[in-house]
Amino acid sequence: MRRALILSVLAGLSLSAALLIADDKVFVAPKAYHANTYPARDEHPLEHVSIAADPYDLPDKTAGVFRVPYKQAGFVPIRLIVSNDGDSTLVLSDMKAELITVRKVKIRPAVPDDIYRRIAKQGKRPDEPRTVPLPIPRKAKPSVSKEAQDEVEASGFLARAVEPHSTQAGFLYFDVEGISNPLAGAYLYVTGLRDAGGQELMYFEIPLEKYLSYRPGH
């Protein structure tokens, strides 16, 4: 009786541990606050919309959030936060974002396949021997782990609308490989937002220098 009880408890603990491990692999987005609480933002009071950009460019910000080493792969993750203070739905289905560097280089967000290819390339050792394809049909092995793919897909900006008096957020990944200090003097340019009647809002221009120069408490 006692042995059965002990085994039952151990089984329960093993199951709990397995669930914790499984949950640990699931991407959990950081809590999003109103866009006007972030240093780098653009507010349109007459349209009742605010948009903020929150780069995740430092180890203390990415730790505990991402498993994929985006920086090493040449990407900078920027979290886009959209707050709607109006009384009608804000439509995002045509929204476009562009990172414009200080040298006027325009960068569109990377699509998942671009990120996967770069991650796979980074994962290969320089001394890894090249394999010559055999003339025999073989099942292709995924070069990026399922956990990495799930993170990229789950962390992206997925919202198609923002309900009245609410906020939506998600990450955009910009390929800045070879660009020194890509955020310095850069802007995030956002267009294509529409009100419930289909009227397009004015563009949003978010200076990322405000993020770089922000000092809490000052």
C-alpha atoms as a PDB file:
ATOM      1  CA  MET A   1       0.000   0.000   0.000  1.00  0.00           C
ATOM      2  CA  ARG A   2       2.784   2.392   0.977  1.00  0.00           C
ATOM      3  CA  ARG A   3       4.842   1.427  -2.073  1.00  0.00           C
ATOM      4  CA  ALA A   4       1.864   2.035  -4.365  1.00  0.00           C
ATOM      5  CA  LEU A   5       1.348   5.460  -2.809  1.00  0.00           C
ATOM      6  CA  ILE A   6       5.002   6.387  -3.298  1.00  0.00           C
ATOM      7  CA  LEU A   7       4.898   5.253  -6.927  1.00  0.00           C
ATOM      8  CA  SER A   8       1.740   7.265  -7.485  1.00  0.00           C
ATOM      9  CA  VAL A   9       3.344  10.394  -6.047  1.00  0.00           C
ATOM     10  CA  LEU A  10       6.490   9.898  -8.141  1.00  0.00           C
ATOM     11  CA  ALA A  11       4.404   9.428 -11.265  1.00  0.00           C
ATOM     12  CA  GLY A  12       2.562  12.650 -10.497  1.00  0.00           C
ATOM     13  CA  LEU A  13       5.828  14.521 -10.002  1.00  0.00           C
ATOM     14  CA  SER A  14       7.212  13.146 -13.275  1.00  0.00           C
ATOM     15  CA  LEU A  15       4.102  14.257 -15.117  1.00  0.00           C
ATOM     16  CA  SER A  16       4.305  17.726 -13.554  1.00  0.00           C
ATOM     17  CA  ALA A  17       7.964  18.015 -14.533  1.00  0.00           C
ATOM     18  CA  ALA A  18       7.156  16.956 -18.082  1.00  0.00           C
ATOM     19  CA  LEU A  19       4.407  19.546 -18.294  1.00  0.00           C
ATOM     20  CA  LEU A  20       6.726  22.246 -16.987  1.00  0.00           C
ATOM     21  CA  ILE A  21       9.359  21.316 -19.563  1.00  0.00           C
ATOM     22  CA  ALA A  22       6.744  21.383 -22.301  1.00  0.00           C
ATOM     23  CA  ASP A  23       5.413  24.730 -21.146  1.00  0.00           C
ATOM     24  CA  ASP A  24       8.958  26.096 -20.993  1.00  0.00           C
ATOM     25  CA  LYS A  25       9.273  25.521 -24.738  1.00  0.00           C
ATOM     26  CA  VAL A  26       6.196  27.603 -25.524  1.00  0.00           C
ATOM     27  CA  PHE A  27       6.817  31.257 -26.340  1.00  0.00           C
ATOM     28  CA  VAL A  28       5.286  33.570 -23.769  1.00  0.00           C
ATOM     29  CA  ALA A  29       5.083  37.191 -24.852  1.00  0.00           C
ATOM     30  CA  PRO A  30       6.069  39.889 -22.349  1.00  0.00           C
ATOM     31  CA  LYS A  31       3.165  41.904 -21.015  1.00  0.00           C
ATOM     32  CA  ALA A  32       2.268  44.762 -23.355  1.00  0.00           C
ATOM     33  CA  TYR A  33       1.409  48.137 -21.875  1.00  0.00           C
ATOM     34  CA  HIS A  34      -0.216  51.153 -23.494  1.00  0.00           C
ATOM     35  CA  ALA A  35       1.901  52.470 -26.350  1.00  0.00           C
ATOM     36  CA  ASN A  36       2.236  55.904 -24.722  1.00  0.00           C
ATOM     37  CA  THR A  37       4.268  54.376 -21.878  1.00  0.00           C
ATOM     38  CA  TYR A  38       7.215  53.481 -24.160  1.00  0.00           C
ATOM     39  CA  PRO A  39      10.016  55.961 -24.968  1.00  0.00           C
ATOM     40  CA  ALA A  40       9.943  55.463 -28.749  1.00  0.00           C
ATOM     41  CA  ARG A  41       6.398  56.229 -29.879  1.00  0.00           C
ATOM     42  CA  ASP A  42       4.204  58.352 -32.092  1.00  0.00           C
ATOM     43  CA  GLU A  43       0.828  59.507 -30.834  1.00  0.00           C
ATOM     44  CA  HIS A  44      -2.105  60.724 -32.924  1.00  0.00           C
ATOM     45  CA  PRO A  45      -4.514  62.273 -30.392  1.00  0.00           C
ATOM     46  CA  LEU A  46      -7.102  63.260 -33.000  1.00  0.00           C
ATOM     47  CA  GLU A  47      -7.211  59.704 -34.332  1.00  0.00           C
ATOM     48  CA  HIS A  48      -7.015  58.205 -30.817  1.00  0.00           C
ATOM     49  CA  VAL A  49      -4.155  55.891 -31.793  1.00  0.00           C
ATOM     50  CA  SER A  50      -0.634  55.507 -30.423  1.00  0.00           C
ATOM     51  CA  ILE A  51       2.108  53.222 -31.754  1.00  0.00           C
ATOM     52  CA  ALA A  52       5.346  52.371 -29.971  1.00  0.00           C
ATOM     53  CA  ALA A  53       8.475  50.485 -30.974  1.00  0.00           C
ATOM     54  CA  ASP A  54      10.403  48.560 -28.330  1.00  0.00           C
ATOM     55  CA  PRO A  55      13.654  47.023 -29.650  1.00  0.00           C
ATOM     56  CA  TYR A  56      14.934  43.853 -28.003  1.00  0.00           C
ATOM     57  CA  ASP A  57      18.580  44.515 -28.774  1.00  0.00           C
ATOM     58  CA  LEU A  58      20.237  43.781 -25.435  1.00  0.00           C
ATOM     59  CA  PRO A  59      20.876  40.488 -23.629  1.00  0.00           C
ATOM     60  CA  ASP A  60      19.022  41.594 -20.481  1.00  0.00           C
ATOM     61  CA  LYS A  61      15.871  42.131 -22.579  1.00  0.00           C
ATOM     62  CA  THR A  62      16.057  38.982 -24.688  1.00  0.00           C
ATOM     63  CA  ALA A  63      16.930  36.688 -21.774  1.00  0.00           C
ATOM     64  CA  GLY A  64      13.898  34.723 -20.671  1.00  0.00           C
ATOM     65  CA  VAL A  65      11.946  35.848 -23.752  1.00  0.00           C
ATOM     66  CA  PHE A  66      13.680  34.293 -26.756  1.00  0.00           C
ATOM     67  CA  ARG A  67      15.422  31.003 -27.350  1.00  0.00           C
ATOM     68  CA  VAL A  68      16.467  31.846 -30.901  1.00  0.00           C
ATOM     69  CA  PRO A  69      19.689  33.937 -31.055  1.00  0.00           C
ATOM     70  CA  TYR A  70      18.339  36.575 -33.421  1.00  0.00           C
ATOM     71  CA  LYS A  71      21.179  39.035 -32.905  1.00  0.00           C
ATOM     72  CA  GLN A  72      23.821  36.456 -33.818  1.00  0.00           C
ATOM     73  CA  ALA A  73      21.794  35.692 -36.935  1.00  0.00           C
ATOM     74  CA  GLY A  74      21.797  39.368 -37.947  1.00  0.00           C
ATOM     75  CA  PHE A  75      18.271  40.347 -36.926  1.00  0.00           C
ATOM     76  CA  VAL A  76      16.998  42.956 -34.492  1.00  0.00           C
ATOM     77  CA  PRO A  77      13.591  42.130 -32.969  1.00  0.00           C
ATOM     78  CA  ILE A  78      11.412  45.209 -32.535  1.00  0.00           C
ATOM     79  CA  ARG A  79       8.172  44.872 -30.637  1.00  0.00           C
ATOM     80  CA  LEU A  80       5.371  46.876 -32.183  1.00  0.00           C
ATOM     81  CA  ILE A  81       2.688  48.080 -29.762  1.00  0.00           C
ATOM     82  CA  VAL A  82      -0.557  49.547 -31.115  1.00  0.00           C
ATOM     83  CA  SER A  83      -3.045  51.172 -28.719  1.00  0.00           C
ATOM     84  CA  ASN A  84      -6.542  52.195 -29.774  1.00  0.00           C
ATOM     85  CA  ASP A  85      -8.184  54.747 -27.484  1.00  0.00           C
ATOM     86  CA  GLY A  86     -11.119  55.292 -29.814  1.00  0.00           C
ATOM     87  CA  ASP A  87     -14.631  53.907 -29.676  1.00  0.00           C
ATOM     88  CA  SER A  88     -14.417  51.938 -32.929  1.00  0.00           C
ATOM     89  CA  THR A  89     -12.248  49.095 -34.195  1.00  0.00           C
ATOM     90  CA  LEU A  90      -8.865  49.904 -35.724  1.00  0.00           C
ATOM     91  CA  VAL A  91      -8.164  47.786 -38.830  1.00  0.00           C
ATOM     92  CA  LEU A  92      -4.591  46.532 -39.351  1.00  0.00           C
ATOM     93  CA  SER A  93      -5.031  44.163 -42.288  1.00  0.00           C
ATOM     94  CA  ASP A  94      -3.159  46.554 -44.643  1.00  0.00           C
ATOM     95  CA  MET A  95      -0.593  47.739 -42.114  1.00  0.00           C
ATOM     96  CA  LYS A  96       3.011  47.970 -43.301  1.00  0.00           C
ATOM     97  CA  ALA A  97       6.127  48.705 -41.289  1.00  0.00           C
ATOM     98  CA  GLU A  98       9.566  49.747 -42.483  1.00  0.00           C
ATOM     99  CA  LEU A  99      12.799  50.403 -40.622  1.00  0.00           C
ATOM    100  CA  ILE A 100      14.607  53.401 -42.108  1.00  0.00           C
ATOM    101  CA  THR A 101      18.219  53.752 -40.977  1.00  0.00           C
ATOM    102  CA  VAL A 102      20.116  56.993 -40.532  1.00  0.00           C
ATOM    103  CA  ARG A 103      21.603  56.410 -44.007  1.00  0.00           C
ATOM    104  CA  LYS A 104      18.097  56.046 -45.446  1.00  0.00           C
ATOM    105  CA  VAL A 105      18.372  52.294 -45.953  1.00  0.00           C
ATOM    106  CA  LYS A 106      14.813  50.938 -45.979  1.00  0.00           C
ATOM    107  CA  ILE A 107      14.279  47.512 -44.433  1.00  0.00           C
ATOM    108  CA  ARG A 108      11.022  45.576 -44.455  1.00  0.00           C
ATOM    109  CA  PRO A 109      10.329  42.968 -41.747  1.00  0.00           C
ATOM    110  CA  ALA A 110      11.767  39.543 -42.521  1.00  0.00           C
ATOM    111  CA  VAL A 111       9.338  36.723 -43.272  1.00  0.00           C
ATOM    112  CA  PRO A 112       9.658  33.479 -41.266  1.00  0.00           C
ATOM    113  CA  ASP A 113      11.384  31.558 -44.088  1.00  0.00           C
ATOM    114  CA  ASP A 114      14.132  34.199 -44.254  1.00  0.00           C
ATOM    115  CA  ILE A 115      14.685  33.869 -40.521  1.00  0.00           C
ATOM    116  CA  TYR A 116      14.765  30.060 -40.707  1.00  0.00           C
ATOM    117  CA  ARG A 117      17.397  30.095 -43.458  1.00  0.00           C
ATOM    118  CA  ARG A 118      19.616  32.462 -41.506  1.00  0.00           C
ATOM    119  CA  ILE A 119      19.231  30.467 -38.283  1.00  0.00           C
ATOM    120  CA  ALA A 120      20.098  27.248 -40.115  1.00  0.00           C
ATOM    121  CA  LYS A 121      23.159  28.903 -41.638  1.00  0.00           C
ATOM    122  CA  GLN A 122      24.304  30.154 -38.233  1.00  0.00           C
ATOM    123  CA  GLY A 123      23.875  26.681 -36.772  1.00  0.00           C
ATOM    124  CA  LYS A 124      26.437  25.108 -39.112  1.00  0.00           C
ATOM    125  CA  ARG A 125      30.059  24.800 -37.969  1.00  0.00           C
ATOM    126  CA  PRO A 126      32.742  26.225 -40.290  1.00  0.00           C
ATOM    127  CA  ASP A 127      34.526  22.852 -40.255  1.00  0.00           C
ATOM    128  CA  GLU A 128      31.368  20.868 -40.950  1.00  0.00           C
ATOM    129  CA  PRO A 129      31.927  18.695 -44.065  1.00  0.00           C
ATOM    130  CA  ARG A 130      29.661  19.288 -47.034  1.00  0.00           C
ATOM    131  CA  THR A 131      27.393  16.441 -47.973  1.00  0.00           C
ATOM    132  CA  VAL A 132      27.033  15.472 -51.611  1.00  0.00           C
ATOM    133  CA  PRO A 133      23.388  14.688 -52.472  1.00  0.00           C
ATOM    134  CA  LEU A 134      22.862  11.082 -53.500  1.00  0.00           C
ATOM    135  CA  PRO A 135      20.712  10.251 -56.514  1.00  0.00           C
ATOM    136  CA  ILE A 136      18.330   8.495 -54.161  1.00  0.00           C
ATOM    137  CA  PRO A 137      15.110  10.146 -52.938  1.00  0.00           C
ATOM    138  CA  ARG A 138      15.552  11.067 -49.297  1.00  0.00           C
ATOM    139  CA  LYS A 139      13.203  12.714 -46.857  1.00  0.00           C
ATOM    140  CA  ALA A 140      14.436  16.233 -46.162  1.00  0.00           C
ATOM    141  CA  LYS A 141      15.326  16.891 -42.531  1.00  0.00           C
ATOM    142  CA  PRO A 142      14.254  20.226 -41.082  1.00  0.00           C
ATOM    143  CA  SER A 143      17.312  22.395 -40.445  1.00  0.00           C
ATOM    144  CA  VAL A 144      15.525  24.487 -37.806  1.00  0.00           C
ATOM    145  CA  SER A 145      14.008  23.000 -34.677  1.00  0.00           C
ATOM    146  CA  LYS A 146      10.264  22.949 -34.218  1.00  0.00           C
ATOM    147  CA  GLU A 147      10.698  25.034 -31.057  1.00  0.00           C
ATOM    148  CA  ALA A 148      12.480  27.757 -33.040  1.00  0.00           C
ATOM    149  CA  GLN A 149       9.816  27.723 -35.748  1.00  0.00           C
ATOM    150  CA  ASP A 150       7.049  27.904 -33.151  1.00  0.00           C
ATOM    151  CA  GLU A 151       8.744  30.862 -31.471  1.00  0.00           C
ATOM    152  CA  VAL A 152       9.150  32.823 -34.704  1.00  0.00           C
ATOM    153  CA  GLU A 153       5.540  32.238 -35.691  1.00  0.00           C
ATOM    154  CA  ALA A 154       4.010  32.816 -32.257  1.00  0.00           C
ATOM    155  CA  SER A 155       6.018  35.956 -31.470  1.00  0.00           C
ATOM    156  CA  GLY A 156       5.228  37.844 -34.673  1.00  0.00           C
ATOM    157  CA  PHE A 157       2.708  40.654 -34.938  1.00  0.00           C
ATOM    158  CA  LEU A 158      -0.422  38.655 -35.762  1.00  0.00           C
ATOM    159  CA  ALA A 159      -3.248  41.057 -34.929  1.00  0.00           C
ATOM    160  CA  ARG A 160      -5.511  42.100 -37.804  1.00  0.00           C
ATOM    161  CA  ALA A 161      -7.427  44.639 -35.740  1.00  0.00           C
ATOM    162  CA  VAL A 162      -7.360  46.465 -32.407  1.00  0.00           C
ATOM    163  CA  GLU A 163     -10.633  46.632 -30.535  1.00  0.00           C
ATOM    164  CA  PRO A 164     -11.723  49.928 -28.926  1.00  0.00           C
ATOM    165  CA  HIS A 165      -9.765  50.896 -25.809  1.00  0.00           C
ATOM    166  CA  SER A 166      -7.300  48.032 -26.128  1.00  0.00           C
ATOM    167  CA  THR A 167      -3.718  47.270 -27.152  1.00  0.00           C
ATOM    168  CA  GLN A 168      -2.147  44.705 -29.476  1.00  0.00           C
ATOM    169  CA  ALA A 169       1.547  43.848 -29.727  1.00  0.00           C
ATOM    170  CA  GLY A 170       3.932  41.550 -31.539  1.00  0.00           C
ATOM    171  CA  PHE A 171       7.484  41.333 -32.841  1.00  0.00           C
ATOM    172  CA  LEU A 172       8.867  42.373 -36.209  1.00  0.00           C
ATOM    173  CA  TYR A 173      12.297  41.035 -37.190  1.00  0.00           C
ATOM    174  CA  PHE A 174      14.554  43.264 -39.283  1.00  0.00           C
ATOM    175  CA  ASP A 175      17.616  42.015 -41.118  1.00  0.00           C
ATOM    176  CA  VAL A 176      20.394  44.420 -40.119  1.00  0.00           C
ATOM    177  CA  GLU A 177      23.336  42.168 -40.888  1.00  0.00           C
ATOM    178  CA  GLY A 178      26.343  44.273 -41.828  1.00  0.00           C
ATOM    179  CA  ILE A 179      24.807  47.517 -40.559  1.00  0.00           C
ATOM    180  CA  SER A 180      26.684  49.153 -37.701  1.00  0.00           C
ATOM    181  CA  ASN A 181      24.442  50.587 -34.953  1.00  0.00           C
ATOM    182  CA  PRO A 182      21.251  50.064 -36.978  1.00  0.00           C
ATOM    183  CA  LEU A 183      18.982  51.782 -34.449  1.00  0.00           C
ATOM    184  CA  ALA A 184      21.006  54.985 -34.074  1.00  0.00           C
ATOM    185  CA  GLY A 185      19.124  57.776 -35.841  1.00  0.00           C
ATOM    186  CA  ALA A 186      16.663  55.272 -37.317  1.00  0.00           C
ATOM    187  CA  TYR A 187      12.890  55.525 -37.624  1.00  0.00           C
ATOM    188  CA  LEU A 188      10.149  52.942 -37.746  1.00  0.00           C
ATOM    189  CA  TYR A 189       7.664  54.023 -40.382  1.00  0.00           C
ATOM    190  CA  VAL A 190       4.155  52.517 -40.109  1.00  0.00           C
ATOM    191  CA  THR A 191       1.372  52.975 -42.649  1.00  0.00           C
ATOM    192  CA  GLY A 192      -1.868  51.356 -43.761  1.00  0.00           C
ATOM    193  CA  LEU A 193      -3.931  51.586 -40.567  1.00  0.00           C
ATOM    194  CA  ARG A 194      -7.619  52.234 -41.201  1.00  0.00           C
ATOM    195  CA  ASP A 195     -10.584  53.184 -39.084  1.00  0.00           C
ATOM    196  CA  ALA A 196     -13.791  51.154 -39.033  1.00  0.00           C
ATOM    197  CA  GLY A 197     -15.101  53.156 -42.002  1.00  0.00           C
ATOM    198  CA  GLY A 198     -12.095  52.280 -44.165  1.00  0.00           C
ATOM    199  CA  GLN A 199     -10.422  55.698 -43.944  1.00  0.00           C
ATOM    200  CA  GLU A 200      -6.631  55.420 -43.826  1.00  0.00           C
ATOM    201  CA  LEU A 201      -4.890  57.115 -40.906  1.00  0.00           C
ATOM    202  CA  MET A 202      -1.887  59.375 -41.213  1.00  0.00           C
ATOM    203  CA  TYR A 203       1.452  57.578 -41.210  1.00  0.00           C
ATOM    204  CA  PHE A 204       3.319  56.962 -37.944  1.00  0.00           C
ATOM    205  CA  GLU A 205       7.001  57.855 -37.687  1.00  0.00           C
ATOM    206  CA  ILE A 206       8.680  56.499 -34.563  1.00  0.00           C
ATOM    207  CA  PRO A 207      12.189  57.788 -33.728  1.00  0.00           C
ATOM    208  CA  LEU A 208      14.219  54.927 -32.285  1.00  0.00           C
ATOM    209  CA  GLU A 209      16.778  57.374 -30.951  1.00  0.00           C
ATOM    210  CA  LYS A 210      14.282  58.061 -28.150  1.00  0.00           C
ATOM    211  CA  TYR A 211      14.646  54.424 -27.095  1.00  0.00           C
ATOM    212  CA  LEU A 212      18.447  54.590 -27.183  1.00  0.00           C
ATOM    213  CA  SER A 213      18.615  57.846 -25.206  1.00  0.00           C
ATOM    214  CA  TYR A 214      15.957  56.955 -22.637  1.00  0.00           C
ATOM    215  CA  ARG A 215      17.101  57.030 -19.020  1.00  0.00           C
ATOM    216  CA  PRO A 216      14.539  55.827 -16.436  1.00  0.00           C
ATOM    217  CA  GLY A 217      13.853  58.409 -13.768  1.00  0.00           C
ATOM    218  CA  HIS A 218      15.204  61.347 -15.794  1.00  0.00           C
END
